[in-house]
């Protein structure tokens, strides 16, 4: 167990190594307890417009039960936190933010909401914001996740209009689903299940509401049902979660993202909806002038996030300097995440920020590791192909 965001979290479980847990997720399925994440519900007449002022997402175009990766933006366009937003009703949204940003995010949202309502001349009743502190969150990830979860889905034969097949729940979609727990034969309440995750694999995040003020017992029973067959699903900890997301080219806030980095700098320009681009997006969003200028003129950015393959040897960790081999090892960037890749036989991989112009695929650079300069190459991410369950085209 290790301290993380005021929680005690398992780095790995005692019966399995970090590498084995990582590879098990890629080959079978793993269950992650991510209840430390902060779950929010936002609803009301002005909920959508408010979210569109603090994120670059085109939420007006987001259909019910669809989700989108986005980010909270400060007024300079820097990333306050990354988040996944789901529309759960005409004027209702569910979103999840990072546990280690909790106090900062809550203060940010409260201040921004007050400023927004004042500018609108609107009362607080126009936006209802609830932090779902007593909810739990489980993430089931891996190629066998769908089969395991489907076996628990309650199929109400009396409701012919209810779709209980996960074959029609695609990546980035959510649905209210009941599960049947074999041990007790009881059905759970309706759970918000979203086909998403942080590993690059197919998988689901399951939001679990409290019963009598606490979600512990229900979450424990659901977890027992999901891990009942240890040949398919095993528990996994923070170590595997981190190496899986790195292979998938996904950012970790506080390392690969911070308030000085904008979405285009982070290679996340695609988070800015097409309808939010240009000089006058409606509604305007925080930092839109800077962000849309960077999208229109990429050369205006000082640095860019890239992926790197690094030659054999000790792994390049956060803070390692990236240098220009052709110009006397001039420092041109820094590593923000790095480790050997379990899926690529220990190949050293890393993400970092590099001087604009050196960010192109195939660029040869160096990385200082333990005072030695190791050869590296800028590569396209993800390092391991993603396996999201998407709708057939």
Protein backbone atom coordinates (compact mmCIF):
# COMPACT_ATOMS: atom_id res chain seq x y z
CA UNK A 1 0.00 0.00 0.00
CA UNK A 2 1.18 3.51 -0.79
CA UNK A 3 -0.25 6.95 0.06
CA UNK A 4 -1.98 8.60 -2.90
CA UNK A 5 -4.26 11.67 -2.81
CA UNK A 6 -5.06 11.11 0.91
CA UNK A 7 -5.90 7.44 0.24
CA UNK A 8 -3.95 4.26 0.88
CA UNK A 9 -3.73 2.59 -2.52
CA UNK A 10 -2.35 -0.80 -3.61
CA UNK A 11 0.70 -0.37 -5.84
CA UNK A 12 0.41 -4.07 -6.65
CA UNK A 13 -1.20 -7.12 -5.09
CA UNK A 14 0.98 -9.60 -3.17
CA UNK A 15 0.22 -12.63 -5.32
CA UNK A 16 1.24 -11.09 -8.67
CA UNK A 17 4.15 -8.96 -9.92
CA UNK A 18 3.70 -5.60 -11.61
CA UNK A 19 4.73 -7.08 -14.97
CA UNK A 20 2.42 -10.07 -14.65
CA UNK A 21 -0.49 -7.84 -13.63
CA UNK A 22 0.14 -5.55 -16.60
CA UNK A 23 0.27 -8.41 -19.09
CA UNK A 24 -2.75 -10.09 -17.49
CA UNK A 25 -4.76 -6.95 -18.24
CA UNK A 26 -3.64 -7.02 -21.88
CA UNK A 27 -4.45 -10.74 -22.25
CA UNK A 28 -7.43 -11.27 -19.93
CA UNK A 29 -9.01 -8.63 -17.65
CA UNK A 30 -8.20 -6.76 -14.46
CA UNK A 31 -10.30 -4.95 -11.90
CA UNK A 32 -9.11 -1.60 -10.54
CA UNK A 33 -10.68 0.11 -7.54
CA UNK A 34 -10.66 3.77 -8.59
CA UNK A 35 -13.11 5.01 -5.97
CA UNK A 36 -10.60 7.72 -5.04
CA UNK A 37 -11.53 9.54 -8.26
CA UNK A 38 -13.97 12.44 -7.80
CA UNK A 39 -17.39 11.90 -9.36
CA UNK A 40 -19.66 14.85 -10.12
CA UNK A 41 -23.24 15.38 -11.29
CA UNK A 42 -24.15 18.72 -12.87
CA UNK A 43 -27.65 19.58 -14.02
CA UNK A 44 -29.94 22.50 -14.64
CA UNK A 45 -30.90 25.03 -17.27
CA UNK A 46 -27.38 26.54 -17.49
CA UNK A 47 -25.32 23.41 -16.77
CA UNK A 48 -24.35 22.81 -20.41
CA UNK A 49 -23.37 26.40 -21.09
CA UNK A 50 -21.31 26.57 -17.91
CA UNK A 51 -19.38 23.41 -18.78
CA UNK A 52 -18.74 24.84 -22.23
CA UNK A 53 -17.12 27.92 -20.69
CA UNK A 54 -14.61 25.92 -18.64
CA UNK A 55 -13.92 23.17 -21.22
CA UNK A 56 -13.31 23.23 -25.00
CA UNK A 57 -15.81 20.41 -25.61
CA UNK A 58 -18.69 20.78 -28.07
CA UNK A 59 -21.20 19.58 -25.50
CA UNK A 60 -24.20 20.89 -27.46
CA UNK A 61 -23.44 18.13 -29.96
CA UNK A 62 -22.99 15.40 -27.34
CA UNK A 63 -25.90 12.97 -27.48
CA UNK A 64 -27.51 11.44 -24.42
CA UNK A 65 -25.45 8.59 -22.97
CA UNK A 66 -22.36 9.64 -24.92
CA UNK A 67 -19.07 10.62 -23.28
CA UNK A 68 -16.10 12.72 -24.28
CA UNK A 69 -12.61 13.22 -22.92
CA UNK A 70 -12.06 16.88 -22.11
CA UNK A 71 -10.21 19.18 -19.74
CA UNK A 72 -10.93 21.99 -17.33
CA UNK A 73 -9.21 25.18 -18.49
CA UNK A 74 -7.97 28.19 -16.57
CA UNK A 75 -8.46 31.64 -18.04
CA UNK A 76 -5.09 31.46 -19.81
CA UNK A 77 -5.99 28.17 -21.51
CA UNK A 78 -3.86 26.01 -19.21
CA UNK A 79 -5.14 22.60 -18.14
CA UNK A 80 -6.51 22.58 -14.58
CA UNK A 81 -7.39 18.89 -14.84
CA UNK A 82 -8.43 16.31 -17.41
CA UNK A 83 -11.91 14.81 -17.20
CA UNK A 84 -14.42 12.55 -18.94
CA UNK A 85 -17.86 14.12 -19.36
CA UNK A 86 -21.03 12.09 -20.03
CA UNK A 87 -24.43 13.48 -20.92
CA UNK A 88 -27.00 11.65 -18.80
CA UNK A 89 -30.02 13.81 -19.63
CA UNK A 90 -31.19 16.84 -21.57
CA UNK A 91 -29.68 19.17 -18.97
CA UNK A 92 -27.68 16.62 -16.98
CA UNK A 93 -24.02 15.65 -17.01
CA UNK A 94 -21.80 13.23 -15.11
CA UNK A 95 -18.06 13.77 -15.02
CA UNK A 96 -15.02 12.41 -13.22
CA UNK A 97 -11.91 14.33 -12.12
CA UNK A 98 -8.63 13.33 -10.52
CA UNK A 99 -8.31 12.64 -6.80
CA UNK A 100 -4.98 14.44 -6.45
CA UNK A 101 -6.60 17.58 -7.88
CA UNK A 102 -9.68 17.40 -5.68
CA UNK A 103 -9.29 20.56 -3.57
CA UNK A 104 -7.98 22.61 -6.48
CA UNK A 105 -10.76 21.42 -8.80
CA UNK A 106 -13.56 22.03 -6.33
CA UNK A 107 -12.30 25.56 -5.65
CA UNK A 108 -11.89 26.19 -9.39
CA UNK A 109 -15.39 24.97 -10.26
CA UNK A 110 -16.99 26.89 -7.40
CA UNK A 111 -15.26 30.16 -8.36
CA UNK A 112 -15.91 29.73 -12.07
CA UNK A 113 -19.55 28.86 -11.48
CA UNK A 114 -20.05 31.95 -9.32
CA UNK A 115 -18.42 34.15 -11.94
CA UNK A 116 -20.50 32.57 -14.72
CA UNK A 117 -23.82 32.97 -12.89
CA UNK A 118 -23.02 36.58 -12.04
CA UNK A 119 -22.25 37.35 -15.69
CA UNK A 120 -25.53 35.68 -16.68
CA UNK A 121 -27.48 37.52 -14.01
CA UNK A 122 -28.77 34.11 -12.96
CA UNK A 123 -29.53 32.52 -9.59
CA UNK A 124 -27.74 29.50 -8.15
CA UNK A 125 -30.79 27.36 -8.87
CA UNK A 126 -29.93 27.44 -12.59
CA UNK A 127 -27.09 24.97 -11.95
CA UNK A 128 -27.25 22.03 -9.54
CA UNK A 129 -23.82 20.63 -8.71
CA UNK A 130 -23.34 17.54 -6.57
CA UNK A 131 -20.02 15.93 -5.68
CA UNK A 132 -20.83 12.23 -5.37
CA UNK A 133 -18.58 11.61 -2.38
CA UNK A 134 -20.31 8.43 -1.24
CA UNK A 135 -20.25 6.75 -4.66
CA UNK A 136 -17.62 4.13 -5.50
CA UNK A 137 -16.01 3.50 -8.88
CA UNK A 138 -14.66 0.25 -10.34
CA UNK A 139 -12.79 -0.09 -13.64
CA UNK A 140 -12.91 -3.46 -15.41
CA UNK A 141 -10.31 -3.51 -18.21
CA UNK A 142 -9.11 -6.07 -20.72
CA UNK A 143 -10.26 -8.24 -23.65
CA UNK A 144 -12.38 -10.50 -21.43
CA UNK A 145 -14.07 -7.62 -19.60
CA UNK A 146 -17.22 -7.60 -21.74
CA UNK A 147 -17.85 -11.35 -21.41
CA UNK A 148 -17.41 -11.25 -17.63
CA UNK A 149 -19.66 -8.23 -17.16
CA UNK A 150 -22.32 -9.46 -19.61
CA UNK A 151 -22.75 -12.65 -17.56
CA UNK A 152 -23.87 -10.50 -14.62
CA UNK A 153 -26.22 -8.16 -16.50
CA UNK A 154 -29.84 -8.51 -15.38
CA UNK A 155 -32.08 -9.12 -18.38
CA UNK A 156 -35.59 -7.92 -17.61
CA UNK A 157 -37.67 -10.06 -19.96
CA UNK A 158 -40.75 -7.97 -19.16
CA UNK A 159 -39.16 -4.80 -20.56
CA UNK A 160 -38.72 -5.50 -24.26
CA UNK A 161 -37.46 -1.97 -24.94
CA UNK A 162 -34.51 -2.32 -22.55
CA UNK A 163 -31.21 -3.06 -24.32
CA UNK A 164 -29.07 -5.17 -22.00
CA UNK A 165 -26.55 -6.34 -24.59
CA UNK A 166 -23.04 -4.93 -24.23
CA UNK A 167 -22.60 -5.60 -27.96
CA UNK A 168 -24.48 -2.34 -28.56
CA UNK A 169 -22.61 -0.34 -25.90
CA UNK A 170 -19.68 1.17 -27.77
CA UNK A 171 -16.58 3.00 -26.59
CA UNK A 172 -17.54 6.40 -25.23
CA UNK A 173 -21.12 5.37 -24.45
CA UNK A 174 -22.89 4.83 -21.14
CA UNK A 175 -26.03 3.07 -19.98
CA UNK A 176 -27.96 2.44 -16.76
CA UNK A 177 -27.66 -1.30 -16.09
CA UNK A 178 -28.63 -3.63 -13.25
CA UNK A 179 -26.42 -6.55 -12.32
CA UNK A 180 -27.43 -9.82 -10.70
CA UNK A 181 -25.04 -10.96 -7.97
CA UNK A 182 -24.82 -14.78 -8.10
CA UNK A 183 -23.85 -15.25 -4.46
CA UNK A 184 -27.05 -13.65 -3.15
CA UNK A 185 -29.24 -13.81 -6.26
CA UNK A 186 -30.11 -10.17 -5.64
CA UNK A 187 -30.15 -7.43 -8.26
CA UNK A 188 -28.19 -4.24 -7.80
CA UNK A 189 -29.73 -0.81 -8.23
CA UNK A 190 -29.30 0.67 -11.71
CA UNK A 191 -25.60 1.47 -12.15
CA UNK A 192 -24.15 4.01 -14.57
CA UNK A 193 -21.76 1.93 -16.68
CA UNK A 194 -19.55 3.66 -19.23
CA UNK A 195 -17.49 1.84 -21.86
CA UNK A 196 -14.21 3.62 -21.31
CA UNK A 197 -10.97 3.28 -19.37
CA UNK A 198 -7.36 4.28 -18.85
CA UNK A 199 -5.47 1.32 -20.30
CA UNK A 200 -6.03 1.33 -24.07
CA UNK A 201 -7.99 -1.90 -23.69
CA UNK A 202 -11.71 -2.48 -24.01
CA UNK A 203 -13.35 -1.98 -20.65
CA UNK A 204 -15.91 -0.34 -18.40
CA UNK A 205 -16.13 2.07 -15.52
CA UNK A 206 -18.93 1.26 -13.08
CA UNK A 207 -20.28 4.02 -10.83
CA UNK A 208 -21.82 2.53 -7.69
CA UNK A 209 -24.26 4.54 -5.56
CA UNK A 210 -24.42 4.33 -1.77
CA UNK A 211 -26.94 2.18 0.05
CA UNK A 212 -27.93 3.64 3.41
CA UNK A 213 -25.22 6.27 3.05
CA UNK A 214 -22.33 3.99 2.11
CA UNK A 215 -21.31 2.09 -1.04
CA UNK A 216 -18.80 -0.26 0.61
CA UNK A 217 -20.92 -3.40 0.90
CA UNK A 218 -22.44 -3.12 -2.57
CA UNK A 219 -19.05 -2.40 -4.15
CA UNK A 220 -17.49 -5.35 -2.33
CA UNK A 221 -20.23 -7.70 -3.55
CA UNK A 222 -19.95 -6.45 -7.15
CA UNK A 223 -16.16 -6.84 -7.03
CA UNK A 224 -16.49 -10.40 -5.69
CA UNK A 225 -18.82 -11.28 -8.56
CA UNK A 226 -16.49 -9.76 -11.17
CA UNK A 227 -13.40 -11.55 -9.81
CA UNK A 228 -15.11 -14.86 -9.04
CA UNK A 229 -13.35 -16.58 -11.93
CA UNK A 230 -9.65 -15.90 -11.33
CA UNK A 231 -8.81 -17.40 -14.71
CA UNK A 232 -10.44 -14.34 -16.29
CA UNK A 233 -10.30 -11.39 -13.90
CA UNK A 234 -7.78 -10.44 -11.22
CA UNK A 235 -7.26 -7.35 -9.11
CA UNK A 236 -4.63 -4.86 -10.31
CA UNK A 237 -3.01 -1.87 -8.61
CA UNK A 238 -1.53 1.54 -9.35
CA UNK A 239 1.70 0.18 -10.83
CA UNK A 240 -0.03 -1.68 -13.67
CA UNK A 241 -2.49 1.17 -14.18
CA UNK A 242 0.41 3.58 -14.72
CA UNK A 243 2.39 1.42 -17.16
CA UNK A 244 -0.78 0.50 -19.10
CA UNK A 245 -1.79 4.15 -19.57
CA UNK A 246 1.77 5.07 -20.62
CA UNK A 247 1.77 2.36 -23.32
CA UNK A 248 -1.59 3.77 -24.43
CA UNK A 249 -0.08 7.28 -24.71
CA UNK A 250 -2.44 8.65 -22.06
CA UNK A 251 -1.49 11.58 -19.85
CA UNK A 252 -1.20 11.62 -16.06
CA UNK A 253 -2.15 14.95 -14.55
CA UNK A 254 0.59 16.61 -12.52
CA UNK A 255 3.20 14.87 -14.67
CA UNK A 256 2.28 15.16 -18.36
CA UNK A 257 -0.28 17.93 -17.83
CA UNK A 258 -0.38 21.08 -15.70
CA UNK A 259 -1.77 24.62 -15.69
CA UNK A 260 1.02 25.98 -17.91
CA UNK A 261 0.28 23.47 -20.68
CA UNK A 262 -2.53 24.01 -23.19
CA UNK A 263 -4.35 21.21 -25.06
CA UNK A 264 -2.48 21.83 -28.37
CA UNK A 265 0.89 21.74 -26.58
CA UNK A 266 -0.13 18.41 -25.04
CA UNK A 267 -1.06 16.97 -28.47
CA UNK A 268 -4.67 17.14 -27.30
CA UNK A 269 -5.90 19.71 -29.79
CA UNK A 270 -8.59 17.21 -30.82
CA UNK A 271 -10.33 17.92 -27.51
CA UNK A 272 -11.33 21.28 -28.96
CA UNK A 273 -14.58 20.64 -30.84
CA UNK A 274 -14.68 21.84 -34.44
CA UNK A 275 -17.54 24.19 -33.59
CA UNK A 276 -15.43 25.70 -30.78
CA UNK A 277 -12.63 26.84 -33.07
CA UNK A 278 -12.05 30.21 -34.69
CA UNK A 279 -12.10 33.74 -33.31
CA UNK A 280 -15.60 33.75 -31.81
CA UNK A 281 -16.71 30.36 -30.46
CA UNK A 282 -20.16 30.37 -28.89
CA UNK A 283 -20.11 30.31 -25.99
CA UNK A 284 -16.52 31.42 -25.49
CA UNK A 285 -14.37 29.18 -23.31
CA UNK A 286 -11.44 29.93 -21.04
CA UNK A 287 -8.26 30.65 -22.99
CA UNK A 288 -9.93 30.26 -26.38
CA UNK A 289 -7.84 33.07 -27.90
CA UNK A 290 -4.55 31.33 -27.03
CA UNK A 291 -5.72 27.80 -27.79
CA UNK A 292 -7.32 28.58 -31.15
CA UNK A 293 -4.29 30.63 -32.18
CA UNK A 294 -2.07 27.62 -31.43
CA UNK A 295 -4.35 25.34 -33.43
CA UNK A 296 -4.31 27.73 -36.39
CA UNK A 297 -0.55 28.37 -36.18
CA UNK A 298 1.19 25.37 -34.55
CA UNK A 299 4.61 26.99 -34.95
CA UNK A 300 3.56 29.56 -32.35
CA UNK A 301 3.90 26.91 -29.62
CA UNK A 302 7.22 26.71 -27.80
CA UNK A 303 7.05 22.95 -27.13
CA UNK A 304 5.01 19.85 -27.92
CA UNK A 305 4.27 16.55 -26.18
CA UNK A 306 5.85 13.56 -27.92
CA UNK A 307 6.45 9.85 -27.49
CA UNK A 308 9.99 8.47 -27.40
CA UNK A 309 11.61 5.07 -27.86
CA UNK A 310 14.89 5.01 -25.94
CA UNK A 311 17.81 2.63 -26.41
CA UNK A 312 18.46 -0.24 -24.03
CA UNK A 313 19.58 0.61 -20.52
CA UNK A 314 18.05 2.20 -17.43
CA UNK A 315 14.65 3.75 -18.09
CA UNK A 316 14.30 7.51 -18.51
CA UNK A 317 12.16 8.78 -15.65
CA UNK A 318 10.31 12.03 -15.07
CA UNK A 319 12.63 15.03 -15.14
CA UNK A 320 15.28 13.50 -17.41
CA UNK A 321 16.57 16.03 -19.95
CA UNK A 322 16.04 15.61 -23.70
CA UNK A 323 19.00 16.90 -25.71
CA UNK A 324 19.76 17.78 -29.34
CA UNK A 325 22.52 15.41 -30.50
CA UNK A 326 23.40 17.65 -33.44
CA UNK A 327 23.93 20.78 -31.35
CA UNK A 328 26.33 19.80 -28.55
CA UNK A 329 23.65 18.10 -26.48
CA UNK A 330 21.70 21.32 -26.01
CA UNK A 331 18.77 20.72 -23.67
CA UNK A 332 15.58 20.87 -25.75
CA UNK A 333 13.01 19.19 -23.53
CA UNK A 334 12.18 17.01 -20.55
CA UNK A 335 10.68 13.61 -19.82
CA UNK A 336 7.36 13.64 -17.97
CA UNK A 337 6.62 9.87 -17.85
CA UNK A 338 8.85 6.92 -18.64
CA UNK A 339 9.35 3.21 -17.95
CA UNK A 340 10.22 -0.10 -19.58
CA UNK A 341 7.23 -1.41 -21.53
CA UNK A 342 6.05 -4.85 -20.33
CA UNK A 343 4.13 -5.36 -23.59
CA UNK A 344 7.18 -4.55 -25.73
CA UNK A 345 9.66 -6.87 -23.98
CA UNK A 346 11.11 -4.13 -21.81
CA UNK A 347 11.60 -1.53 -24.54
CA UNK A 348 12.18 1.84 -22.86
CA UNK A 349 9.31 4.21 -23.65
CA UNK A 350 8.63 7.73 -22.50
CA UNK A 351 6.54 10.82 -23.02
CA UNK A 352 7.81 14.34 -22.70
CA UNK A 353 7.85 17.88 -24.01
CA UNK A 354 10.29 18.89 -26.71
CA UNK A 355 11.15 22.10 -28.51
CA UNK A 356 8.74 22.79 -31.35
CA UNK A 357 10.25 21.64 -34.64
CA UNK A 358 11.90 18.61 -33.06
CA UNK A 359 8.55 16.98 -32.37
CA UNK A 360 8.20 15.26 -35.74
CA UNK A 361 8.13 11.46 -36.04
CA UNK A 362 11.57 10.02 -36.71
CA UNK A 363 13.57 12.85 -35.13
CA UNK A 364 16.69 11.54 -33.42
CA UNK A 365 17.47 13.01 -30.00
CA UNK A 366 19.22 12.05 -26.79
CA UNK A 367 17.99 11.57 -23.25
CA UNK A 368 20.21 12.02 -20.20
CA UNK A 369 19.85 8.98 -17.95
CA UNK A 370 22.18 8.74 -14.94
CA UNK A 371 24.59 11.26 -16.51
CA UNK A 372 24.78 9.24 -19.73
CA UNK A 373 23.16 10.35 -22.98
CA UNK A 374 21.09 7.59 -24.54
CA UNK A 375 19.84 7.66 -28.12
CA UNK A 376 16.11 8.13 -28.59
CA UNK A 377 13.65 8.55 -31.44
CA UNK A 378 10.41 10.52 -31.57
CA UNK A 379 7.57 8.12 -32.41
CA UNK A 380 3.83 8.20 -32.88
CA UNK A 381 1.67 7.22 -29.92
CA UNK A 382 0.14 5.01 -28.63
CA UNK A 383 3.12 2.73 -28.17
CA UNK A 384 0.75 -0.26 -28.03
CA UNK A 385 -2.30 -0.19 -30.34
CA UNK A 386 -5.55 0.60 -28.57
CA UNK A 387 -8.36 -1.95 -28.64
CA UNK A 388 -11.43 0.15 -27.97
CA UNK A 389 -14.78 -1.43 -28.85
CA UNK A 390 -16.08 0.96 -31.49
CA UNK A 391 -19.19 1.00 -33.64
CA UNK A 392 -18.65 -0.62 -37.05
CA UNK A 393 -18.23 1.99 -39.78
